[in-house]
Amino acid sequence: MRTTRTLSISLPYEMADYIRAKVSTGEFATESEVIRDALRTLIARDRVVEAWLRDAVNSGEFALDPDAQWAADKDEAKPARPRRRP
């Protein structure tokens, strides 16, 4: 059973050139390795942020003021319309 999935993605020229440069300098063997490394870094960063938020909430740093007055304008309560794809 395969442990990888092939994707087709579109990138701005600048990003594609950056990936090719990483491969051409020998820092990475393939373009896929560049993308995998970037995603690992993003996943690690997200986990750090999630842990920080969880700790902040659990410690009460983001506790709501029970005396605060909350009101919502009816226009603010409307659900956002989904964006149409071109």
PDB file of N, CA and C in Angstrom:
ATOM      1  N   MET A   1       0.831  -1.177   0.000  1.00  0.00           N
ATOM      2  CA  MET A   1       0.000   0.000   0.000  1.00  0.00           C
ATOM      3  C   MET A   1       0.884   1.252   0.000  1.00  0.00           C
ATOM      4  N   ARG A   2       0.535   2.205  -0.834  1.00  0.00           N
ATOM      5  CA  ARG A   2       1.308   3.446  -0.922  1.00  0.00           C
ATOM      6  C   ARG A   2       1.093   4.306   0.313  1.00  0.00           C
ATOM      7  N   THR A   3       2.146   4.981   0.717  1.00  0.00           N
ATOM      8  CA  THR A   3       2.037   5.892   1.855  1.00  0.00           C
ATOM      9  C   THR A   3       2.093   7.341   1.412  1.00  0.00           C
ATOM     10  N   THR A   4       2.096   7.556   0.117  1.00  0.00           N
ATOM     11  CA  THR A   4       2.118   8.923  -0.403  1.00  0.00           C
ATOM     12  C   THR A   4       0.974   9.117  -1.384  1.00  0.00           C
ATOM     13  N   ARG A   5       0.652  10.368  -1.596  1.00  0.00           N
ATOM     14  CA  ARG A   5      -0.385  10.728  -2.563  1.00  0.00           C
ATOM     15  C   ARG A   5       0.195  11.801  -3.470  1.00  0.00           C
ATOM     16  N   THR A   6      -0.045  11.661  -4.743  1.00  0.00           N
ATOM     17  CA  THR A   6       0.429  12.635  -5.718  1.00  0.00           C
ATOM     18  C   THR A   6      -0.599  13.747  -5.856  1.00  0.00           C
ATOM     19  N   LEU A   7      -0.119  14.983  -5.773  1.00  0.00           N
ATOM     20  CA  LEU A   7      -0.973  16.157  -5.924  1.00  0.00           C
ATOM     21  C   LEU A   7      -0.446  17.019  -7.054  1.00  0.00           C
ATOM     22  N   SER A   8      -1.327  17.764  -7.639  1.00  0.00           N
ATOM     23  CA  SER A   8      -0.936  18.753  -8.636  1.00  0.00           C
ATOM     24  C   SER A   8      -1.291  20.111  -8.057  1.00  0.00           C
ATOM     25  N   ILE A   9      -0.298  20.990  -7.896  1.00  0.00           N
ATOM     26  CA  ILE A   9      -0.548  22.300  -7.298  1.00  0.00           C
ATOM     27  C   ILE A   9      -0.061  23.400  -8.224  1.00  0.00           C
ATOM     28  N   SER A  10      -0.632  24.568  -8.049  1.00  0.00           N
ATOM     29  CA  SER A  10      -0.196  25.744  -8.799  1.00  0.00           C
ATOM     30  C   SER A  10       0.459  26.707  -7.827  1.00  0.00           C
ATOM     31  N   LEU A  11       1.607  27.226  -8.215  1.00  0.00           N
ATOM     32  CA  LEU A  11       2.346  28.165  -7.375  1.00  0.00           C
ATOM     33  C   LEU A  11       2.703  29.401  -8.182  1.00  0.00           C
ATOM     34  N   PRO A  12       2.850  30.529  -7.494  1.00  0.00           N
ATOM     35  CA  PRO A  12       3.369  31.705  -8.195  1.00  0.00           C
ATOM     36  C   PRO A  12       4.791  31.409  -8.690  1.00  0.00           C
ATOM     37  N   TYR A  13       5.190  32.070  -9.761  1.00  0.00           N
ATOM     38  CA  TYR A  13       6.520  31.839 -10.335  1.00  0.00           C
ATOM     39  C   TYR A  13       7.619  31.981  -9.292  1.00  0.00           C
ATOM     40  N   GLU A  14       7.503  32.973  -8.434  1.00  0.00           N
ATOM     41  CA  GLU A  14       8.536  33.218  -7.425  1.00  0.00           C
ATOM     42  C   GLU A  14       8.717  32.009  -6.505  1.00  0.00           C
ATOM     43  N   MET A  15       7.615  31.406  -6.080  1.00  0.00           N
ATOM     44  CA  MET A  15       7.706  30.231  -5.209  1.00  0.00           C
ATOM     45  C   MET A  15       8.262  29.030  -5.958  1.00  0.00           C
ATOM     46  N   ALA A  16       7.816  28.834  -7.187  1.00  0.00           N
ATOM     47  CA  ALA A  16       8.318  27.717  -7.989  1.00  0.00           C
ATOM     48  C   ALA A  16       9.819  27.865  -8.227  1.00  0.00           C
ATOM     49  N   ASP A  17      10.262  29.079  -8.510  1.00  0.00           N
ATOM     50  CA  ASP A  17      11.694  29.324  -8.707  1.00  0.00           C
ATOM     51  C   ASP A  17      12.472  29.063  -7.423  1.00  0.00           C
ATOM     52  N   TYR A  18      11.900  29.430  -6.297  1.00  0.00           N
ATOM     53  CA  TYR A  18      12.547  29.206  -5.008  1.00  0.00           C
ATOM     54  C   TYR A  18      12.737  27.708  -4.764  1.00  0.00           C
ATOM     55  N   ILE A  19      11.706  26.928  -5.066  1.00  0.00           N
ATOM     56  CA  ILE A  19      11.787  25.472  -4.898  1.00  0.00           C
ATOM     57  C   ILE A  19      12.862  24.897  -5.807  1.00  0.00           C
ATOM     58  N   ARG A  20      12.868  25.312  -7.061  1.00  0.00           N
ATOM     59  CA  ARG A  20      13.887  24.816  -8.005  1.00  0.00           C
ATOM     60  C   ARG A  20      15.296  25.188  -7.548  1.00  0.00           C
ATOM     61  N   ALA A  21      15.450  26.382  -6.985  1.00  0.00           N
ATOM     62  CA  ALA A  21      16.764  26.815  -6.500  1.00  0.00           C
ATOM     63  C   ALA A  21      17.234  25.930  -5.348  1.00  0.00           C
ATOM     64  N   LYS A  22      16.321  25.554  -4.461  1.00  0.00           N
ATOM     65  CA  LYS A  22      16.685  24.674  -3.343  1.00  0.00           C
ATOM     66  C   LYS A  22      17.185  23.322  -3.851  1.00  0.00           C
ATOM     67  N   VAL A  23      16.585  22.842  -4.928  1.00  0.00           N
ATOM     68  CA  VAL A  23      17.007  21.564  -5.512  1.00  0.00           C
ATOM     69  C   VAL A  23      18.318  21.742  -6.265  1.00  0.00           C
ATOM     70  N   SER A  24      18.436  22.812  -7.039  1.00  0.00           N
ATOM     71  CA  SER A  24      19.640  22.996  -7.863  1.00  0.00           C
ATOM     72  C   SER A  24      20.894  23.229  -7.022  1.00  0.00           C
ATOM     73  N   THR A  25      20.741  23.777  -5.807  1.00  0.00           N
ATOM     74  CA  THR A  25      21.907  23.971  -4.939  1.00  0.00           C
ATOM     75  C   THR A  25      22.281  22.699  -4.196  1.00  0.00           C
ATOM     76  N   GLY A  26      21.427  21.677  -4.294  1.00  0.00           N
ATOM     77  CA  GLY A  26      21.711  20.417  -3.626  1.00  0.00           C
ATOM     78  C   GLY A  26      21.199  20.351  -2.200  1.00  0.00           C
ATOM     79  N   GLU A  27      20.546  21.412  -1.746  1.00  0.00           N
ATOM     80  CA  GLU A  27      20.008  21.397  -0.386  1.00  0.00           C
ATOM     81  C   GLU A  27      18.915  20.330  -0.241  1.00  0.00           C
ATOM     82  N   PHE A  28      18.177  20.111  -1.326  1.00  0.00           N
ATOM     83  CA  PHE A  28      17.144  19.079  -1.373  1.00  0.00           C
ATOM     84  C   PHE A  28      17.338  18.276  -2.648  1.00  0.00           C
ATOM     85  N   ALA A  29      16.958  17.006  -2.600  1.00  0.00           N
ATOM     86  CA  ALA A  29      17.123  16.150  -3.779  1.00  0.00           C
ATOM     87  C   ALA A  29      15.999  16.342  -4.790  1.00  0.00           C
ATOM     88  N   THR A  30      14.800  16.637  -4.301  1.00  0.00           N
ATOM     89  CA  THR A  30      13.648  16.783  -5.197  1.00  0.00           C
ATOM     90  C   THR A  30      12.772  17.948  -4.756  1.00  0.00           C
ATOM     91  N   GLU A  31      11.920  18.384  -5.675  1.00  0.00           N
ATOM     92  CA  GLU A  31      10.962  19.436  -5.339  1.00  0.00           C
ATOM     93  C   GLU A  31       9.988  18.951  -4.270  1.00  0.00           C
ATOM     94  N   SER A  32       9.637  17.681  -4.320  1.00  0.00           N
ATOM     95  CA  SER A  32       8.734  17.117  -3.309  1.00  0.00           C
ATOM     96  C   SER A  32       9.335  17.218  -1.915  1.00  0.00           C
ATOM     97  N   GLU A  33      10.648  17.011  -1.807  1.00  0.00           N
ATOM     98  CA  GLU A  33      11.299  17.121  -0.504  1.00  0.00           C
ATOM     99  C   GLU A  33      11.201  18.542   0.039  1.00  0.00           C
ATOM    100  N   VAL A  34      11.315  19.535  -0.829  1.00  0.00           N
ATOM    101  CA  VAL A  34      11.194  20.936  -0.398  1.00  0.00           C
ATOM    102  C   VAL A  34       9.798  21.169   0.176  1.00  0.00           C
ATOM    103  N   ILE A  35       8.786  20.724  -0.543  1.00  0.00           N
ATOM    104  CA  ILE A  35       7.405  20.912  -0.105  1.00  0.00           C
ATOM    105  C   ILE A  35       7.145  20.156   1.195  1.00  0.00           C
ATOM    106  N   ARG A  36       7.627  18.913   1.292  1.00  0.00           N
ATOM    107  CA  ARG A  36       7.431  18.137   2.526  1.00  0.00           C
ATOM    108  C   ARG A  36       8.075  18.829   3.716  1.00  0.00           C
ATOM    109  N   ASP A  37       9.287  19.348   3.537  1.00  0.00           N
ATOM    110  CA  ASP A  37       9.969  20.038   4.622  1.00  0.00           C
ATOM    111  C   ASP A  37       9.205  21.298   5.032  1.00  0.00           C
ATOM    112  N   ALA A  38       8.713  22.034   4.051  1.00  0.00           N
ATOM    113  CA  ALA A  38       7.943  23.245   4.351  1.00  0.00           C
ATOM    114  C   ALA A  38       6.670  22.902   5.119  1.00  0.00           C
ATOM    115  N   LEU A  39       5.992  21.829   4.721  1.00  0.00           N
ATOM    116  CA  LEU A  39       4.771  21.426   5.416  1.00  0.00           C
ATOM    117  C   LEU A  39       5.060  20.934   6.829  1.00  0.00           C
ATOM    118  N   ARG A  40       6.167  20.223   7.007  1.00  0.00           N
ATOM    119  CA  ARG A  40       6.544  19.797   8.363  1.00  0.00           C
ATOM    120  C   ARG A  40       6.761  21.013   9.258  1.00  0.00           C
ATOM    121  N   THR A  41       7.412  22.030   8.722  1.00  0.00           N
ATOM    122  CA  THR A  41       7.647  23.259   9.480  1.00  0.00           C
ATOM    123  C   THR A  41       6.329  23.938   9.825  1.00  0.00           C
ATOM    124  N   LEU A  42       5.411  24.008   8.881  1.00  0.00           N
ATOM    125  CA  LEU A  42       4.098  24.610   9.116  1.00  0.00           C
ATOM    126  C   LEU A  42       3.315  23.831  10.174  1.00  0.00           C
ATOM    127  N   ILE A  43       3.347  22.509  10.089  1.00  0.00           N
ATOM    128  CA  ILE A  43       2.651  21.670  11.069  1.00  0.00           C
ATOM    129  C   ILE A  43       3.232  21.899  12.462  1.00  0.00           C
ATOM    130  N   ALA A  44       4.552  21.947  12.572  1.00  0.00           N
ATOM    131  CA  ALA A  44       5.197  22.173  13.865  1.00  0.00           C
ATOM    132  C   ALA A  44       4.806  23.540  14.427  1.00  0.00           C
ATOM    133  N   ARG A  45       4.785  24.563  13.583  1.00  0.00           N
ATOM    134  CA  ARG A  45       4.406  25.908  14.026  1.00  0.00           C
ATOM    135  C   ARG A  45       2.959  25.922  14.503  1.00  0.00           C
ATOM    136  N   ASP A  46       2.074  25.276  13.750  1.00  0.00           N
ATOM    137  CA  ASP A  46       0.666  25.222  14.145  1.00  0.00           C
ATOM    138  C   ASP A  46       0.500  24.533  15.493  1.00  0.00           C
ATOM    139  N   ARG A  47       1.254  23.473  15.726  1.00  0.00           N
ATOM    140  CA  ARG A  47       1.157  22.762  17.004  1.00  0.00           C
ATOM    141  C   ARG A  47       1.619  23.634  18.160  1.00  0.00           C
ATOM    142  N   VAL A  48       2.665  24.424  17.944  1.00  0.00           N
ATOM    143  CA  VAL A  48       3.150  25.335  18.984  1.00  0.00           C
ATOM    144  C   VAL A  48       2.084  26.384  19.299  1.00  0.00           C
ATOM    145  N   VAL A  49       1.489  26.966  18.269  1.00  0.00           N
ATOM    146  CA  VAL A  49       0.449  27.982  18.468  1.00  0.00           C
ATOM    147  C   VAL A  49      -0.758  27.370  19.179  1.00  0.00           C
ATOM    148  N   GLU A  50      -1.190  26.182  18.749  1.00  0.00           N
ATOM    149  CA  GLU A  50      -2.331  25.521  19.385  1.00  0.00           C
ATOM    150  C   GLU A  50      -2.047  25.227  20.858  1.00  0.00           C
ATOM    151  N   ALA A  51      -0.842  24.769  21.168  1.00  0.00           N
ATOM    152  CA  ALA A  51      -0.480  24.487  22.557  1.00  0.00           C
ATOM    153  C   ALA A  51      -0.477  25.772  23.377  1.00  0.00           C
ATOM    154  N   TRP A  52       0.051  26.843  22.802  1.00  0.00           N
ATOM    155  CA  TRP A  52       0.076  28.132  23.498  1.00  0.00           C
ATOM    156  C   TRP A  52      -1.348  28.605  23.782  1.00  0.00           C
ATOM    157  N   LEU A  53      -2.225  28.522  22.784  1.00  0.00           N
ATOM    158  CA  LEU A  53      -3.614  28.940  22.977  1.00  0.00           C
ATOM    159  C   LEU A  53      -4.311  28.078  24.025  1.00  0.00           C
ATOM    160  N   ARG A  54      -4.099  26.772  23.949  1.00  0.00           N
ATOM    161  CA  ARG A  54      -4.713  25.862  24.917  1.00  0.00           C
ATOM    162  C   ARG A  54      -4.254  26.206  26.334  1.00  0.00           C
ATOM    163  N   ASP A  55      -2.945  26.436  26.507  1.00  0.00           N
ATOM    164  CA  ASP A  55      -2.417  26.794  27.824  1.00  0.00           C
ATOM    165  C   ASP A  55      -2.974  28.131  28.298  1.00  0.00           C
ATOM    166  N   ALA A  56      -3.077  29.101  27.383  1.00  0.00           N
ATOM    167  CA  ALA A  56      -3.591  30.418  27.749  1.00  0.00           C
ATOM    168  C   ALA A  56      -5.054  30.329  28.182  1.00  0.00           C
ATOM    169  N   VAL A  57      -5.840  29.547  27.468  1.00  0.00           N
ATOM    170  CA  VAL A  57      -7.256  29.390  27.825  1.00  0.00           C
ATOM    171  C   VAL A  57      -7.380  28.637  29.145  1.00  0.00           C
ATOM    172  N   ASN A  58      -6.629  27.556  29.298  1.00  0.00           N
ATOM    173  CA  ASN A  58      -6.703  26.762  30.525  1.00  0.00           C
ATOM    174  C   ASN A  58      -6.243  27.541  31.745  1.00  0.00           C
ATOM    175  N   SER A  59      -5.312  28.463  31.572  1.00  0.00           N
ATOM    176  CA  SER A  59      -4.816  29.252  32.699  1.00  0.00           C
ATOM    177  C   SER A  59      -5.725  30.436  33.009  1.00  0.00           C
ATOM    178  N   GLY A  60      -6.731  30.656  32.177  1.00  0.00           N
ATOM    179  CA  GLY A  60      -7.647  31.761  32.412  1.00  0.00           C
ATOM    180  C   GLY A  60      -7.210  33.067  31.794  1.00  0.00           C
ATOM    181  N   GLU A  61      -6.134  33.039  31.046  1.00  0.00           N
ATOM    182  CA  GLU A  61      -5.636  34.265  30.425  1.00  0.00           C
ATOM    183  C   GLU A  61      -6.671  34.876  29.491  1.00  0.00           C
ATOM    184  N   PHE A  62      -7.490  34.036  28.878  1.00  0.00           N
ATOM    185  CA  PHE A  62      -8.513  34.516  27.957  1.00  0.00           C
ATOM    186  C   PHE A  62      -9.915  34.345  28.539  1.00  0.00           C
ATOM    187  N   ALA A  63     -10.027  34.389  29.856  1.00  0.00           N
ATOM    188  CA  ALA A  63     -11.333  34.230  30.483  1.00  0.00           C
ATOM    189  C   ALA A  63     -12.225  35.419  30.138  1.00  0.00           C
ATOM    190  N   LEU A  64     -13.495  35.133  29.935  1.00  0.00           N
ATOM    191  CA  LEU A  64     -14.452  36.192  29.636  1.00  0.00           C
ATOM    192  C   LEU A  64     -14.872  36.897  30.919  1.00  0.00           C
ATOM    193  N   ASP A  65     -15.110  38.179  30.816  1.00  0.00           N
ATOM    194  CA  ASP A  65     -15.604  38.965  31.936  1.00  0.00           C
ATOM    195  C   ASP A  65     -17.103  38.694  32.069  1.00  0.00           C
ATOM    196  N   PRO A  66     -17.554  38.110  33.180  1.00  0.00           N
ATOM    197  CA  PRO A  66     -18.975  37.778  33.304  1.00  0.00           C
ATOM    198  C   PRO A  66     -19.879  39.007  33.328  1.00  0.00           C
ATOM    199  N   ASP A  67     -19.324  40.171  33.643  1.00  0.00           N
ATOM    200  CA  ASP A  67     -20.114  41.399  33.691  1.00  0.00           C
ATOM    201  C   ASP A  67     -20.131  42.140  32.363  1.00  0.00           C
ATOM    202  N   ALA A  68     -19.423  41.629  31.386  1.00  0.00           N
ATOM    203  CA  ALA A  68     -19.347  42.318  30.090  1.00  0.00           C
ATOM    204  C   ALA A  68     -20.697  42.262  29.390  1.00  0.00           C
ATOM    205  N   GLN A  69     -21.009  43.315  28.687  1.00  0.00           N
ATOM    206  CA  GLN A  69     -22.250  43.379  27.919  1.00  0.00           C
ATOM    207  C   GLN A  69     -21.954  42.943  26.499  1.00  0.00           C
ATOM    208  N   TRP A  70     -22.681  41.954  26.015  1.00  0.00           N
ATOM    209  CA  TRP A  70     -22.457  41.440  24.673  1.00  0.00           C
ATOM    210  C   TRP A  70     -23.682  41.737  23.822  1.00  0.00           C
ATOM    211  N   ALA A  71     -23.446  42.288  22.688  1.00  0.00           N
ATOM    212  CA  ALA A  71     -24.542  42.559  21.757  1.00  0.00           C
ATOM    213  C   ALA A  71     -24.015  42.362  20.353  1.00  0.00           C
ATOM    214  N   ALA A  72     -24.890  41.919  19.483  1.00  0.00           N
ATOM    215  CA  ALA A  72     -24.488  41.720  18.092  1.00  0.00           C
ATOM    216  C   ALA A  72     -25.453  42.469  17.195  1.00  0.00           C
ATOM    217  N   ASP A  73     -24.913  43.154  16.246  1.00  0.00           N
ATOM    218  CA  ASP A  73     -25.719  43.815  15.234  1.00  0.00           C
ATOM    219  C   ASP A  73     -26.274  42.737  14.319  1.00  0.00           C
ATOM    220  N   LYS A  74     -27.531  42.888  13.864  1.00  0.00           N
ATOM    221  CA  LYS A  74     -28.129  41.847  13.026  1.00  0.00           C
ATOM    222  C   LYS A  74     -27.328  41.599  11.756  1.00  0.00           C
ATOM    223  N   ASP A  75     -26.661  42.648  11.220  1.00  0.00           N
ATOM    224  CA  ASP A  75     -25.852  42.459  10.017  1.00  0.00           C
ATOM    225  C   ASP A  75     -24.603  41.637  10.308  1.00  0.00           C
ATOM    226  N   GLU A  76     -24.073  41.778  11.517  1.00  0.00           N
ATOM    227  CA  GLU A  76     -22.886  41.005  11.890  1.00  0.00           C
ATOM    228  C   GLU A  76     -23.229  39.532  12.084  1.00  0.00           C
ATOM    229  N   ALA A  77     -24.482  39.245  12.385  1.00  0.00           N
ATOM    230  CA  ALA A  77     -24.886  37.871  12.664  1.00  0.00           C
ATOM    231  C   ALA A  77     -25.175  37.072  11.397  1.00  0.00           C
ATOM    232  N   LYS A  78     -25.218  37.728  10.257  1.00  0.00           N
ATOM    233  CA  LYS A  78     -25.489  37.014   9.011  1.00  0.00           C
ATOM    234  C   LYS A  78     -24.306  36.123   8.650  1.00  0.00           C
ATOM    235  N   PRO A  79     -24.583  34.916   8.186  1.00  0.00           N
ATOM    236  CA  PRO A  79     -23.468  34.052   7.764  1.00  0.00           C
ATOM    237  C   PRO A  79     -22.795  34.621   6.517  1.00  0.00           C
ATOM    238  N   ALA A  80     -21.520  34.402   6.444  1.00  0.00           N
ATOM    239  CA  ALA A  80     -20.764  34.871   5.277  1.00  0.00           C
ATOM    240  C   ALA A  80     -21.186  34.081   4.051  1.00  0.00           C
ATOM    241  N   ARG A  81     -21.249  34.755   2.932  1.00  0.00           N
ATOM    242  CA  ARG A  81     -21.574  34.074   1.685  1.00  0.00           C
ATOM    243  C   ARG A  81     -20.337  33.343   1.196  1.00  0.00           C
ATOM    244  N   PRO A  82     -20.497  32.121   0.737  1.00  0.00           N
ATOM    245  CA  PRO A  82     -19.332  31.390   0.219  1.00  0.00           C
ATOM    246  C   PRO A  82     -18.755  32.094  -1.004  1.00  0.00           C
ATOM    247  N   ARG A  83     -17.439  32.088  -1.082  1.00  0.00           N
ATOM    248  CA  ARG A  83     -16.765  32.686  -2.234  1.00  0.00           C
ATOM    249  C   ARG A  83     -16.952  31.809  -3.448  1.00  0.00           C
ATOM    250  N   ARG A  84     -17.186  32.447  -4.561  1.00  0.00           N
ATOM    251  CA  ARG A  84     -17.333  31.702  -5.813  1.00  0.00           C
ATOM    252  C   ARG A  84     -15.961  31.485  -6.417  1.00  0.00           C
ATOM    253  N   ARG A  85     -15.765  30.307  -6.911  1.00  0.00           N
ATOM    254  CA  ARG A  85     -14.498  29.996  -7.582  1.00  0.00           C
ATOM    255  C   ARG A  85     -14.573  30.457  -9.016  1.00  0.00           C
ATOM    256  N   PRO A  86     -13.469  31.000  -9.509  1.00  0.00           N
ATOM    257  CA  PRO A  86     -13.471  31.449 -10.912  1.00  0.00           C
ATOM    258  C   PRO A  86     -13.551  30.286 -11.874  1.00  0.00           C
TER     259      PRO A  86
END
